[in-house]
C-alpha cells in the first residue's frame, strides 16, 4: 500500500467488503427488505465516504461510480427494497441494468480499479 493513499485504500477495502456477495455482506438481504435497506444504506454511505478520500486524479471517476450507487439505491428505496417484487417488474429491472451497465461507469470503474491495483495492493 502506498502510504500516501493509506486512508483511501482502507476506505476502498471497507466498501469492497460491504459489497461482497449478492447484496452486501448479508445474504438475507435478498429476501428481507429490512436487511436489504441496511445493506444498501451501508454501501451508499461507504461509497460517499470513499469519494471524499479519493485522490484528485480519480475524483471524477469516483463521482460517476457513487452516482450509480446512489441511483440504484434510490430505485431500491422506491420499491421498498423488495427484491422479489423488483424481480417481477421488467421496467425496474431494466432501469437497474441500465445503471449497472452504463459505459461511463464501466470506464470509471476500470480506471479506479487500476489505481487500486497500483497503489493499494488490490
PDB file of N, CA and C in Angstrom:
ATOM      1  N   UNK A   1       0.850  -1.185   0.000  1.00  0.00           N
ATOM      2  CA  UNK A   1       0.000   0.000   0.000  1.00  0.00           C
ATOM      3  C   UNK A   1       0.890   1.240   0.000  1.00  0.00           C
ATOM      4  N   UNK A   2       0.606   2.111  -0.948  1.00  0.00           N
ATOM      5  CA  UNK A   2       1.304   3.381  -0.999  1.00  0.00           C
ATOM      6  C   UNK A   2       0.861   4.204   0.217  1.00  0.00           C
ATOM      7  N   UNK A   3       1.792   4.585   1.091  1.00  0.00           N
ATOM      8  CA  UNK A   3       1.431   5.314   2.320  1.00  0.00           C
ATOM      9  C   UNK A   3       0.635   6.597   2.054  1.00  0.00           C
ATOM     10  N   UNK A   4       0.866   7.224   0.912  1.00  0.00           N
ATOM     11  CA  UNK A   4       0.134   8.445   0.564  1.00  0.00           C
ATOM     12  C   UNK A   4      -1.366   8.187   0.487  1.00  0.00           C
ATOM     13  N   UNK A   5      -1.735   6.969   0.132  1.00  0.00           N
ATOM     14  CA  UNK A   5      -3.141   6.636  -0.091  1.00  0.00           C
ATOM     15  C   UNK A   5      -3.701   5.660   0.951  1.00  0.00           C
ATOM     16  N   UNK A   6      -3.068   5.563   2.090  1.00  0.00           N
ATOM     17  CA  UNK A   6      -3.464   4.562   3.095  1.00  0.00           C
ATOM     18  C   UNK A   6      -4.926   4.691   3.518  1.00  0.00           C
ATOM     19  N   UNK A   7      -5.391   5.904   3.818  1.00  0.00           N
ATOM     20  CA  UNK A   7      -6.783   6.088   4.247  1.00  0.00           C
ATOM     21  C   UNK A   7      -7.748   5.749   3.106  1.00  0.00           C
ATOM     22  N   UNK A   8      -7.396   6.183   1.908  1.00  0.00           N
ATOM     23  CA  UNK A   8      -8.209   5.878   0.734  1.00  0.00           C
ATOM     24  C   UNK A   8      -8.282   4.369   0.521  1.00  0.00           C
ATOM     25  N   UNK A   9      -7.142   3.702   0.598  1.00  0.00           N
ATOM     26  CA  UNK A   9      -7.097   2.249   0.391  1.00  0.00           C
ATOM     27  C   UNK A   9      -7.929   1.521   1.443  1.00  0.00           C
ATOM     28  N   UNK A  10      -7.837   1.978   2.697  1.00  0.00           N
ATOM     29  CA  UNK A  10      -8.615   1.353   3.779  1.00  0.00           C
ATOM     30  C   UNK A  10     -10.117   1.542   3.536  1.00  0.00           C
ATOM     31  N   UNK A  11     -10.514   2.736   3.106  1.00  0.00           N
ATOM     32  CA  UNK A  11     -11.932   3.002   2.831  1.00  0.00           C
ATOM     33  C   UNK A  11     -12.411   2.162   1.649  1.00  0.00           C
ATOM     34  N   UNK A  12     -11.561   2.006   0.649  1.00  0.00           N
ATOM     35  CA  UNK A  12     -11.917   1.182  -0.504  1.00  0.00           C
ATOM     36  C   UNK A  12     -12.093  -0.272  -0.101  1.00  0.00           C
ATOM     37  N   UNK A  13     -11.216  -0.750   0.737  1.00  0.00           N
ATOM     38  CA  UNK A  13     -11.302  -2.130   1.214  1.00  0.00           C
ATOM     39  C   UNK A  13     -12.600  -2.354   2.006  1.00  0.00           C
ATOM     40  N   UNK A  14     -12.957  -1.369   2.822  1.00  0.00           N
ATOM     41  CA  UNK A  14     -14.175  -1.475   3.629  1.00  0.00           C
ATOM     42  C   UNK A  14     -15.416  -1.528   2.719  1.00  0.00           C
ATOM     43  N   UNK A  15     -15.425  -0.688   1.685  1.00  0.00           N
ATOM     44  CA  UNK A  15     -16.543  -0.706   0.739  1.00  0.00           C
ATOM     45  C   UNK A  15     -16.580  -2.024  -0.023  1.00  0.00           C
ATOM     46  N   UNK A  16     -15.433  -2.492  -0.441  1.00  0.00           N
ATOM     47  CA  UNK A  16     -15.374  -3.757  -1.175  1.00  0.00           C
ATOM     48  C   UNK A  16     -15.950  -4.903  -0.339  1.00  0.00           C
ATOM     49  N   UNK A  17     -15.633  -4.921   0.935  1.00  0.00           N
ATOM     50  CA  UNK A  17     -16.177  -5.940   1.842  1.00  0.00           C
ATOM     51  C   UNK A  17     -17.694  -5.808   1.930  1.00  0.00           C
ATOM     52  N   UNK A  18     -18.173  -4.575   2.063  1.00  0.00           N
ATOM     53  CA  UNK A  18     -19.620  -4.350   2.182  1.00  0.00           C
ATOM     54  C   UNK A  18     -20.365  -4.770   0.922  1.00  0.00           C
ATOM     55  N   UNK A  19     -19.684  -4.677  -0.225  1.00  0.00           N
ATOM     56  CA  UNK A  19     -20.338  -5.004  -1.494  1.00  0.00           C
ATOM     57  C   UNK A  19     -20.155  -6.461  -1.899  1.00  0.00           C
ATOM     58  N   UNK A  20     -19.409  -7.221  -1.128  1.00  0.00           N
ATOM     59  CA  UNK A  20     -19.185  -8.624  -1.490  1.00  0.00           C
ATOM     60  C   UNK A  20     -20.480  -9.410  -1.387  1.00  0.00           C
ATOM     61  N   UNK A  21     -20.613 -10.393  -2.216  1.00  0.00           N
ATOM     62  CA  UNK A  21     -21.825 -11.212  -2.190  1.00  0.00           C
ATOM     63  C   UNK A  21     -22.944 -10.555  -2.977  1.00  0.00           C
ATOM     64  N   UNK A  22     -24.116 -11.177  -2.992  1.00  0.00           N
ATOM     65  CA  UNK A  22     -25.225 -10.696  -3.813  1.00  0.00           C
ATOM     66  C   UNK A  22     -25.702  -9.289  -3.441  1.00  0.00           C
ATOM     67  N   UNK A  23     -25.800  -8.998  -2.173  1.00  0.00           N
ATOM     68  CA  UNK A  23     -26.266  -7.683  -1.715  1.00  0.00           C
ATOM     69  C   UNK A  23     -25.561  -7.331  -0.426  1.00  0.00           C
ATOM     70  N   UNK A  24     -24.288  -7.063  -0.566  1.00  0.00           N
ATOM     71  CA  UNK A  24     -23.511  -6.740   0.606  1.00  0.00           C
ATOM     72  C   UNK A  24     -23.124  -7.989   1.353  1.00  0.00           C
ATOM     73  N   UNK A  25     -22.698  -7.787   2.546  1.00  0.00           N
ATOM     74  CA  UNK A  25     -22.221  -8.898   3.371  1.00  0.00           C
ATOM     75  C   UNK A  25     -23.359  -9.773   3.875  1.00  0.00           C
ATOM     76  N   UNK A  26     -24.585  -9.347   3.660  1.00  0.00           N
ATOM     77  CA  UNK A  26     -25.719 -10.026   4.258  1.00  0.00           C
ATOM     78  C   UNK A  26     -26.578 -10.722   3.206  1.00  0.00           C
ATOM     79  N   UNK A  27     -26.425 -12.048   3.050  1.00  0.00           N
ATOM     80  CA  UNK A  27     -27.238 -12.765   2.059  1.00  0.00           C
ATOM     81  C   UNK A  27     -28.736 -12.693   2.347  1.00  0.00           C
ATOM     82  N   UNK A  28     -29.117 -12.443   3.602  1.00  0.00           N
ATOM     83  CA  UNK A  28     -30.542 -12.329   3.943  1.00  0.00           C
ATOM     84  C   UNK A  28     -31.183 -11.130   3.256  1.00  0.00           C
ATOM     85  N   UNK A  29     -30.361 -10.192   2.771  1.00  0.00           N
ATOM     86  CA  UNK A  29     -30.890  -9.006   2.103  1.00  0.00           C
ATOM     87  C   UNK A  29     -31.663  -9.376   0.834  1.00  0.00           C
ATOM     88  N   UNK A  30     -31.385 -10.536   0.287  1.00  0.00           N
ATOM     89  CA  UNK A  30     -32.066 -10.958  -0.937  1.00  0.00           C
ATOM     90  C   UNK A  30     -33.563 -11.127  -0.694  1.00  0.00           C
ATOM     91  N   UNK A  31     -33.923 -11.633   0.463  1.00  0.00           N
ATOM     92  CA  UNK A  31     -35.335 -11.905   0.742  1.00  0.00           C
ATOM     93  C   UNK A  31     -35.935 -11.022   1.830  1.00  0.00           C
ATOM     94  N   UNK A  32     -35.116 -10.303   2.560  1.00  0.00           N
ATOM     95  CA  UNK A  32     -35.608  -9.478   3.668  1.00  0.00           C
ATOM     96  C   UNK A  32     -35.393  -7.998   3.340  1.00  0.00           C
ATOM     97  N   UNK A  33     -36.467  -7.279   3.029  1.00  0.00           N
ATOM     98  CA  UNK A  33     -36.333  -5.867   2.662  1.00  0.00           C
ATOM     99  C   UNK A  33     -35.640  -5.014   3.732  1.00  0.00           C
ATOM    100  N   UNK A  34     -35.862  -5.338   4.995  1.00  0.00           N
ATOM    101  CA  UNK A  34     -35.200  -4.574   6.068  1.00  0.00           C
ATOM    102  C   UNK A  34     -33.687  -4.758   5.990  1.00  0.00           C
ATOM    103  N   UNK A  35     -33.257  -5.979   5.741  1.00  0.00           N
ATOM    104  CA  UNK A  35     -31.825  -6.264   5.621  1.00  0.00           C
ATOM    105  C   UNK A  35     -31.248  -5.638   4.339  1.00  0.00           C
ATOM    106  N   UNK A  36     -32.048  -5.643   3.286  1.00  0.00           N
ATOM    107  CA  UNK A  36     -31.627  -5.024   2.029  1.00  0.00           C
ATOM    108  C   UNK A  36     -31.410  -3.527   2.224  1.00  0.00           C
ATOM    109  N   UNK A  37     -32.312  -2.885   2.942  1.00  0.00           N
ATOM    110  CA  UNK A  37     -32.183  -1.452   3.212  1.00  0.00           C
ATOM    111  C   UNK A  37     -30.906  -1.185   4.007  1.00  0.00           C
ATOM    112  N   UNK A  38     -30.662  -1.974   5.021  1.00  0.00           N
ATOM    113  CA  UNK A  38     -29.448  -1.808   5.837  1.00  0.00           C
ATOM    114  C   UNK A  38     -28.202  -1.979   4.968  1.00  0.00           C
ATOM    115  N   UNK A  39     -28.193  -3.018   4.141  1.00  0.00           N
ATOM    116  CA  UNK A  39     -27.035  -3.284   3.278  1.00  0.00           C
ATOM    117  C   UNK A  39     -26.784  -2.127   2.320  1.00  0.00           C
ATOM    118  N   UNK A  40     -27.828  -1.650   1.648  1.00  0.00           N
ATOM    119  CA  UNK A  40     -27.640  -0.590   0.656  1.00  0.00           C
ATOM    120  C   UNK A  40     -27.431   0.781   1.277  1.00  0.00           C
ATOM    121  N   UNK A  41     -27.985   1.012   2.447  1.00  0.00           N
ATOM    122  CA  UNK A  41     -27.658   2.257   3.155  1.00  0.00           C
ATOM    123  C   UNK A  41     -26.169   2.267   3.492  1.00  0.00           C
ATOM    124  N   UNK A  42     -25.655   1.120   3.933  1.00  0.00           N
ATOM    125  CA  UNK A  42     -24.240   0.995   4.277  1.00  0.00           C
ATOM    126  C   UNK A  42     -23.356   1.166   3.038  1.00  0.00           C
ATOM    127  N   UNK A  43     -23.716   0.499   1.955  1.00  0.00           N
ATOM    128  CA  UNK A  43     -22.948   0.594   0.712  1.00  0.00           C
ATOM    129  C   UNK A  43     -22.933   2.045   0.210  1.00  0.00           C
ATOM    130  N   UNK A  44     -24.075   2.696   0.253  1.00  0.00           N
ATOM    131  CA  UNK A  44     -24.160   4.092  -0.200  1.00  0.00           C
ATOM    132  C   UNK A  44     -23.314   4.991   0.688  1.00  0.00           C
ATOM    133  N   UNK A  45     -23.424   4.825   1.998  1.00  0.00           N
ATOM    134  CA  UNK A  45     -22.659   5.635   2.943  1.00  0.00           C
ATOM    135  C   UNK A  45     -21.149   5.434   2.751  1.00  0.00           C
ATOM    136  N   UNK A  46     -20.731   4.186   2.636  1.00  0.00           N
ATOM    137  CA  UNK A  46     -19.305   3.904   2.441  1.00  0.00           C
ATOM    138  C   UNK A  46     -18.802   4.433   1.097  1.00  0.00           C
ATOM    139  N   UNK A  47     -19.650   4.418   0.081  1.00  0.00           N
ATOM    140  CA  UNK A  47     -19.278   4.957  -1.233  1.00  0.00           C
ATOM    141  C   UNK A  47     -19.028   6.462  -1.142  1.00  0.00           C
ATOM    142  N   UNK A  48     -19.898   7.155  -0.449  1.00  0.00           N
ATOM    143  CA  UNK A  48     -19.759   8.606  -0.287  1.00  0.00           C
ATOM    144  C   UNK A  48     -18.504   8.929   0.533  1.00  0.00           C
ATOM    145  N   UNK A  49     -18.252   8.147   1.573  1.00  0.00           N
ATOM    146  CA  UNK A  49     -17.044   8.352   2.381  1.00  0.00           C
ATOM    147  C   UNK A  49     -15.783   8.098   1.558  1.00  0.00           C
ATOM    148  N   UNK A  50     -15.814   7.066   0.725  1.00  0.00           N
ATOM    149  CA  UNK A  50     -14.671   6.769  -0.138  1.00  0.00           C
ATOM    150  C   UNK A  50     -14.443   7.906  -1.128  1.00  0.00           C
ATOM    151  N   UNK A  51     -15.522   8.425  -1.685  1.00  0.00           N
ATOM    152  CA  UNK A  51     -15.396   9.530  -2.633  1.00  0.00           C
ATOM    153  C   UNK A  51     -14.680  10.717  -1.986  1.00  0.00           C
ATOM    154  N   UNK A  52     -14.990  10.993  -0.739  1.00  0.00           N
ATOM    155  CA  UNK A  52     -14.351  12.118  -0.037  1.00  0.00           C
ATOM    156  C   UNK A  52     -12.850  11.908   0.128  1.00  0.00           C
ATOM    157  N   UNK A  53     -12.410  10.663   0.202  1.00  0.00           N
ATOM    158  CA  UNK A  53     -10.989  10.344   0.392  1.00  0.00           C
ATOM    159  C   UNK A  53     -10.259  10.076  -0.921  1.00  0.00           C
ATOM    160  N   UNK A  54     -10.985  10.083  -2.020  1.00  0.00           N
ATOM    161  CA  UNK A  54     -10.402   9.744  -3.320  1.00  0.00           C
ATOM    162  C   UNK A  54      -9.407  10.811  -3.767  1.00  0.00           C
ATOM    163  N   UNK A  55      -8.236  10.370  -4.250  1.00  0.00           N
ATOM    164  CA  UNK A  55      -7.255  11.323  -4.786  1.00  0.00           C
ATOM    165  C   UNK A  55      -7.858  12.142  -5.935  1.00  0.00           C
ATOM    166  N   UNK A  56      -7.383  13.364  -6.077  1.00  0.00           N
ATOM    167  CA  UNK A  56      -7.933  14.283  -7.081  1.00  0.00           C
ATOM    168  C   UNK A  56      -7.949  13.693  -8.482  1.00  0.00           C
ATOM    169  N   UNK A  57      -6.940  12.911  -8.827  1.00  0.00           N
ATOM    170  CA  UNK A  57      -6.869  12.341 -10.179  1.00  0.00           C
ATOM    171  C   UNK A  57      -8.018  11.379 -10.464  1.00  0.00           C
ATOM    172  N   UNK A  58      -8.689  10.894  -9.411  1.00  0.00           N
ATOM    173  CA  UNK A  58      -9.801   9.946  -9.577  1.00  0.00           C
ATOM    174  C   UNK A  58     -11.150  10.513  -9.149  1.00  0.00           C
ATOM    175  N   UNK A  59     -11.195  11.781  -8.762  1.00  0.00           N
ATOM    176  CA  UNK A  59     -12.438  12.361  -8.220  1.00  0.00           C
ATOM    177  C   UNK A  59     -13.608  12.219  -9.202  1.00  0.00           C
ATOM    178  N   UNK A  60     -13.365  12.500 -10.490  1.00  0.00           N
ATOM    179  CA  UNK A  60     -14.453  12.416 -11.468  1.00  0.00           C
ATOM    180  C   UNK A  60     -14.957  10.975 -11.582  1.00  0.00           C
ATOM    181  N   UNK A  61     -14.025  10.023 -11.633  1.00  0.00           N
ATOM    182  CA  UNK A  61     -14.420   8.612 -11.713  1.00  0.00           C
ATOM    183  C   UNK A  61     -15.186   8.190 -10.462  1.00  0.00           C
ATOM    184  N   UNK A  62     -14.705   8.615  -9.307  1.00  0.00           N
ATOM    185  CA  UNK A  62     -15.391   8.277  -8.057  1.00  0.00           C
ATOM    186  C   UNK A  62     -16.802   8.856  -8.056  1.00  0.00           C
ATOM    187  N   UNK A  63     -16.935  10.079  -8.552  1.00  0.00           N
ATOM    188  CA  UNK A  63     -18.256  10.698  -8.621  1.00  0.00           C
ATOM    189  C   UNK A  63     -19.201   9.919  -9.513  1.00  0.00           C
ATOM    190  N   UNK A  64     -18.705   9.476 -10.647  1.00  0.00           N
ATOM    191  CA  UNK A  64     -19.516   8.679 -11.570  1.00  0.00           C
ATOM    192  C   UNK A  64     -19.986   7.393 -10.898  1.00  0.00           C
ATOM    193  N   UNK A  65     -19.066   6.738 -10.202  1.00  0.00           N
ATOM    194  CA  UNK A  65     -19.399   5.470  -9.554  1.00  0.00           C
ATOM    195  C   UNK A  65     -20.373   5.677  -8.394  1.00  0.00           C
ATOM    196  N   UNK A  66     -20.144   6.705  -7.588  1.00  0.00           N
ATOM    197  CA  UNK A  66     -21.044   6.979  -6.458  1.00  0.00           C
ATOM    198  C   UNK A  66     -22.432   7.342  -6.972  1.00  0.00           C
ATOM    199  N   UNK A  67     -22.484   8.120  -8.036  1.00  0.00           N
ATOM    200  CA  UNK A  67     -23.794   8.469  -8.594  1.00  0.00           C
ATOM    201  C   UNK A  67     -24.567   7.225  -9.009  1.00  0.00           C
ATOM    202  N   UNK A  68     -23.877   6.221  -9.532  1.00  0.00           N
ATOM    203  CA  UNK A  68     -24.574   4.990  -9.924  1.00  0.00           C
ATOM    204  C   UNK A  68     -25.080   4.230  -8.695  1.00  0.00           C
ATOM    205  N   UNK A  69     -24.289   4.209  -7.636  1.00  0.00           N
ATOM    206  CA  UNK A  69     -24.719   3.546  -6.386  1.00  0.00           C
ATOM    207  C   UNK A  69     -25.944   4.259  -5.812  1.00  0.00           C
ATOM    208  N   UNK A  70     -25.876   5.585  -5.768  1.00  0.00           N
ATOM    209  CA  UNK A  70     -26.991   6.374  -5.235  1.00  0.00           C
ATOM    210  C   UNK A  70     -28.241   6.156  -6.098  1.00  0.00           C
ATOM    211  N   UNK A  71     -28.080   6.121  -7.412  1.00  0.00           N
ATOM    212  CA  UNK A  71     -29.228   5.913  -8.309  1.00  0.00           C
ATOM    213  C   UNK A  71     -29.846   4.532  -8.102  1.00  0.00           C
ATOM    214  N   UNK A  72     -28.998   3.518  -7.937  1.00  0.00           N
ATOM    215  CA  UNK A  72     -29.532   2.176  -7.695  1.00  0.00           C
ATOM    216  C   UNK A  72     -30.263   2.126  -6.360  1.00  0.00           C
ATOM    217  N   UNK A  73     -29.661   2.728  -5.335  1.00  0.00           N
ATOM    218  CA  UNK A  73     -30.293   2.719  -4.018  1.00  0.00           C
ATOM    219  C   UNK A  73     -31.635   3.456  -4.060  1.00  0.00           C
ATOM    220  N   UNK A  74     -31.713   4.517  -4.856  1.00  0.00           N
ATOM    221  CA  UNK A  74     -32.978   5.251  -4.996  1.00  0.00           C
ATOM    222  C   UNK A  74     -34.062   4.330  -5.562  1.00  0.00           C
ATOM    223  N   UNK A  75     -33.708   3.549  -6.575  1.00  0.00           N
ATOM    224  CA  UNK A  75     -34.674   2.615  -7.158  1.00  0.00           C
ATOM    225  C   UNK A  75     -35.077   1.549  -6.140  1.00  0.00           C
ATOM    226  N   UNK A  76     -34.090   1.025  -5.422  1.00  0.00           N
ATOM    227  CA  UNK A  76     -34.412   0.041  -4.381  1.00  0.00           C
ATOM    228  C   UNK A  76     -35.366   0.653  -3.358  1.00  0.00           C
ATOM    229  N   UNK A  77     -35.062   1.884  -2.926  1.00  0.00           N
ATOM    230  CA  UNK A  77     -35.891   2.555  -1.922  1.00  0.00           C
ATOM    231  C   UNK A  77     -37.314   2.765  -2.442  1.00  0.00           C
ATOM    232  N   UNK A  78     -37.429   3.248  -3.699  1.00  0.00           N
ATOM    233  CA  UNK A  78     -38.756   3.469  -4.300  1.00  0.00           C
ATOM    234  C   UNK A  78     -39.579   2.185  -4.345  1.00  0.00           C
ATOM    235  N   UNK A  79     -38.903   1.052  -4.373  1.00  0.00           N
ATOM    236  CA  UNK A  79     -39.568  -0.253  -4.404  1.00  0.00           C
ATOM    237  C   UNK A  79     -39.501  -0.964  -3.056  1.00  0.00           C
ATOM    238  N   UNK A  80     -39.269  -0.161  -2.018  1.00  0.00           N
ATOM    239  CA  UNK A  80     -39.260  -0.627  -0.628  1.00  0.00           C
ATOM    240  C   UNK A  80     -38.305  -1.786  -0.392  1.00  0.00           C
ATOM    241  N   UNK A  81     -37.211  -1.821  -1.164  1.00  0.00           N
ATOM    242  CA  UNK A  81     -36.155  -2.823  -1.013  1.00  0.00           C
ATOM    243  C   UNK A  81     -36.663  -4.253  -1.160  1.00  0.00           C
ATOM    244  N   UNK A  82     -37.774  -4.415  -1.865  1.00  0.00           N
ATOM    245  CA  UNK A  82     -38.400  -5.731  -2.077  1.00  0.00           C
ATOM    246  C   UNK A  82     -37.842  -6.366  -3.349  1.00  0.00           C
ATOM    247  N   UNK A  83     -36.737  -7.089  -3.243  1.00  0.00           N
ATOM    248  CA  UNK A  83     -36.111  -7.668  -4.423  1.00  0.00           C
ATOM    249  C   UNK A  83     -37.003  -8.666  -5.142  1.00  0.00           C
ATOM    250  N   UNK A  84     -37.798  -9.393  -4.396  1.00  0.00           N
ATOM    251  CA  UNK A  84     -38.677 -10.369  -5.043  1.00  0.00           C
ATOM    252  C   UNK A  84     -39.764  -9.671  -5.851  1.00  0.00           C
ATOM    253  N   UNK A  85     -40.185  -8.498  -5.418  1.00  0.00           N
ATOM    254  CA  UNK A  85     -41.160  -7.701  -6.172  1.00  0.00           C
ATOM    255  C   UNK A  85     -40.466  -7.052  -7.370  1.00  0.00           C
ATOM    256  N   UNK A  86     -39.270  -6.505  -7.147  1.00  0.00           N
ATOM    257  CA  UNK A  86     -38.495  -5.886  -8.225  1.00  0.00           C
ATOM    258  C   UNK A  86     -38.255  -6.881  -9.360  1.00  0.00           C
ATOM    259  N   UNK A  87     -37.991  -8.126  -8.994  1.00  0.00           N
ATOM    260  CA  UNK A  87     -37.715  -9.159  -9.999  1.00  0.00           C
ATOM    261  C   UNK A  87     -38.887  -9.353 -10.957  1.00  0.00           C
ATOM    262  N   UNK A  88     -40.087  -9.000 -10.515  1.00  0.00           N
ATOM    263  CA  UNK A  88     -41.279  -9.178 -11.339  1.00  0.00           C
ATOM    264  C   UNK A  88     -41.646  -7.915 -12.116  1.00  0.00           C
ATOM    265  N   UNK A  89     -40.809  -6.873 -12.009  1.00  0.00           N
ATOM    266  CA  UNK A  89     -41.079  -5.603 -12.688  1.00  0.00           C
ATOM    267  C   UNK A  89     -40.008  -5.351 -13.745  1.00  0.00           C
ATOM    268  N   UNK A  90     -40.300  -5.689 -15.005  1.00  0.00           N
ATOM    269  CA  UNK A  90     -39.295  -5.514 -16.051  1.00  0.00           C
ATOM    270  C   UNK A  90     -38.752  -4.087 -16.155  1.00  0.00           C
ATOM    271  N   UNK A  91     -39.603  -3.090 -15.983  1.00  0.00           N
ATOM    272  CA  UNK A  91     -39.137  -1.709 -16.123  1.00  0.00           C
ATOM    273  C   UNK A  91     -38.126  -1.348 -15.029  1.00  0.00           C
ATOM    274  N   UNK A  92     -38.338  -1.869 -13.837  1.00  0.00           N
ATOM    275  CA  UNK A  92     -37.415  -1.604 -12.736  1.00  0.00           C
ATOM    276  C   UNK A  92     -36.111  -2.381 -12.958  1.00  0.00           C
ATOM    277  N   UNK A  93     -36.226  -3.629 -13.353  1.00  0.00           N
ATOM    278  CA  UNK A  93     -35.027  -4.424 -13.663  1.00  0.00           C
ATOM    279  C   UNK A  93     -34.216  -3.745 -14.760  1.00  0.00           C
ATOM    280  N   UNK A  94     -34.910  -3.262 -15.794  1.00  0.00           N
ATOM    281  CA  UNK A  94     -34.224  -2.592 -16.903  1.00  0.00           C
ATOM    282  C   UNK A  94     -33.516  -1.325 -16.426  1.00  0.00           C
ATOM    283  N   UNK A  95     -34.159  -0.577 -15.557  1.00  0.00           N
ATOM    284  CA  UNK A  95     -33.548   0.649 -15.032  1.00  0.00           C
ATOM    285  C   UNK A  95     -32.276   0.323 -14.244  1.00  0.00           C
ATOM    286  N   UNK A  96     -32.326  -0.725 -13.429  1.00  0.00           N
ATOM    287  CA  UNK A  96     -31.143  -1.142 -12.660  1.00  0.00           C
ATOM    288  C   UNK A  96     -30.036  -1.630 -13.590  1.00  0.00           C
ATOM    289  N   UNK A  97     -30.405  -2.395 -14.611  1.00  0.00           N
ATOM    290  CA  UNK A  97     -29.417  -2.891 -15.575  1.00  0.00           C
ATOM    291  C   UNK A  97     -28.771  -1.733 -16.322  1.00  0.00           C
ATOM    292  N   UNK A  98     -29.579  -0.748 -16.692  1.00  0.00           N
ATOM    293  CA  UNK A  98     -29.053   0.417 -17.410  1.00  0.00           C
ATOM    294  C   UNK A  98     -28.007   1.141 -16.561  1.00  0.00           C
ATOM    295  N   UNK A  99     -28.274   1.308 -15.293  1.00  0.00           N
ATOM    296  CA  UNK A  99     -27.316   1.965 -14.396  1.00  0.00           C
ATOM    297  C   UNK A  99     -26.048   1.123 -14.287  1.00  0.00           C
ATOM    298  N   UNK A 100     -26.229  -0.163 -14.046  1.00  0.00           N
ATOM    299  CA  UNK A 100     -25.084  -1.056 -13.820  1.00  0.00           C
ATOM    300  C   UNK A 100     -24.211  -1.220 -15.063  1.00  0.00           C
ATOM    301  N   UNK A 101     -24.800  -1.085 -16.237  1.00  0.00           N
ATOM    302  CA  UNK A 101     -24.034  -1.321 -17.458  1.00  0.00           C
ATOM    303  C   UNK A 101     -23.673  -0.032 -18.203  1.00  0.00           C
ATOM    304  N   UNK A 102     -23.872   1.104 -17.583  1.00  0.00           N
ATOM    305  CA  UNK A 102     -23.541   2.382 -18.208  1.00  0.00           C
ATOM    306  C   UNK A 102     -22.057   2.409 -18.573  1.00  0.00           C
ATOM    307  N   UNK A 103     -21.734   2.659 -19.842  1.00  0.00           N
ATOM    308  CA  UNK A 103     -20.327   2.660 -20.264  1.00  0.00           C
ATOM    309  C   UNK A 103     -19.454   3.648 -19.492  1.00  0.00           C
ATOM    310  N   UNK A 104     -20.004   4.801 -19.121  1.00  0.00           N
ATOM    311  CA  UNK A 104     -19.225   5.775 -18.350  1.00  0.00           C
ATOM    312  C   UNK A 104     -18.839   5.200 -16.992  1.00  0.00           C
ATOM    313  N   UNK A 105     -19.763   4.488 -16.367  1.00  0.00           N
ATOM    314  CA  UNK A 105     -19.483   3.877 -15.069  1.00  0.00           C
ATOM    315  C   UNK A 105     -18.482   2.743 -15.219  1.00  0.00           C
ATOM    316  N   UNK A 106     -18.629   1.960 -16.272  1.00  0.00           N
ATOM    317  CA  UNK A 106     -17.696   0.857 -16.516  1.00  0.00           C
ATOM    318  C   UNK A 106     -16.273   1.381 -16.716  1.00  0.00           C
ATOM    319  N   UNK A 107     -16.128   2.432 -17.516  1.00  0.00           N
ATOM    320  CA  UNK A 107     -14.803   3.020 -17.751  1.00  0.00           C
ATOM    321  C   UNK A 107     -14.233   3.616 -16.475  1.00  0.00           C
ATOM    322  N   UNK A 108     -15.070   4.311 -15.719  1.00  0.00           N
ATOM    323  CA  UNK A 108     -14.622   4.898 -14.451  1.00  0.00           C
ATOM    324  C   UNK A 108     -14.161   3.797 -13.498  1.00  0.00           C
ATOM    325  N   UNK A 109     -14.920   2.725 -13.433  1.00  0.00           N
ATOM    326  CA  UNK A 109     -14.580   1.608 -12.556  1.00  0.00           C
ATOM    327  C   UNK A 109     -13.253   0.969 -12.959  1.00  0.00           C
ATOM    328  N   UNK A 110     -13.030   0.833 -14.257  1.00  0.00           N
ATOM    329  CA  UNK A 110     -11.773   0.256 -14.741  1.00  0.00           C
ATOM    330  C   UNK A 110     -10.584   1.121 -14.317  1.00  0.00           C
ATOM    331  N   UNK A 111     -10.696   2.435 -14.517  1.00  0.00           N
ATOM    332  CA  UNK A 111      -9.606   3.340 -14.105  1.00  0.00           C
ATOM    333  C   UNK A 111      -9.414   3.296 -12.594  1.00  0.00           C
ATOM    334  N   UNK A 112     -10.522   3.274 -11.862  1.00  0.00           N
ATOM    335  CA  UNK A 112     -10.484   3.241 -10.409  1.00  0.00           C
ATOM    336  C   UNK A 112      -9.784   1.969  -9.924  1.00  0.00           C
ATOM    337  N   UNK A 113     -10.166   0.838 -10.497  1.00  0.00           N
ATOM    338  CA  UNK A 113      -9.575  -0.441 -10.093  1.00  0.00           C
ATOM    339  C   UNK A 113      -8.107  -0.542 -10.475  1.00  0.00           C
ATOM    340  N   UNK A 114      -7.724   0.057 -11.596  1.00  0.00           N
ATOM    341  CA  UNK A 114      -6.308   0.090 -11.980  1.00  0.00           C
ATOM    342  C   UNK A 114      -5.509   0.853 -10.934  1.00  0.00           C
ATOM    343  N   UNK A 115      -6.048   1.978 -10.490  1.00  0.00           N
ATOM    344  CA  UNK A 115      -5.386   2.768  -9.445  1.00  0.00           C
ATOM    345  C   UNK A 115      -5.261   1.949  -8.161  1.00  0.00           C
ATOM    346  N   UNK A 116      -6.331   1.237  -7.808  1.00  0.00           N
ATOM    347  CA  UNK A 116      -6.291   0.390  -6.599  1.00  0.00           C
ATOM    348  C   UNK A 116      -5.195  -0.676  -6.706  1.00  0.00           C
ATOM    349  N   UNK A 117      -5.083  -1.291  -7.865  1.00  0.00           N
ATOM    350  CA  UNK A 117      -4.059  -2.323  -8.052  1.00  0.00           C
ATOM    351  C   UNK A 117      -2.650  -1.704  -7.921  1.00  0.00           C
ATOM    352  N   UNK A 118      -2.471  -0.526  -8.453  1.00  0.00           N
ATOM    353  CA  UNK A 118      -1.166   0.127  -8.444  1.00  0.00           C
ATOM    354  C   UNK A 118      -0.785   0.696  -7.090  1.00  0.00           C
ATOM    355  N   UNK A 119      -1.787   1.103  -6.295  1.00  0.00           N
ATOM    356  CA  UNK A 119      -1.488   1.834  -5.063  1.00  0.00           C
ATOM    357  C   UNK A 119      -1.988   1.200  -3.768  1.00  0.00           C
ATOM    358  N   UNK A 120      -2.872   0.242  -3.901  1.00  0.00           N
ATOM    359  CA  UNK A 120      -3.483  -0.332  -2.692  1.00  0.00           C
ATOM    360  C   UNK A 120      -3.254  -1.822  -2.560  1.00  0.00           C
ATOM    361  N   UNK A 121      -2.477  -2.396  -3.446  1.00  0.00           N
ATOM    362  CA  UNK A 121      -2.188  -3.838  -3.345  1.00  0.00           C
ATOM    363  C   UNK A 121      -3.392  -4.725  -3.556  1.00  0.00           C
ATOM    364  N   UNK A 122      -4.382  -4.227  -4.280  1.00  0.00           N
ATOM    365  CA  UNK A 122      -5.605  -4.997  -4.536  1.00  0.00           C
ATOM    366  C   UNK A 122      -5.375  -5.883  -5.747  1.00  0.00           C
TER     367      UNK A 122
END
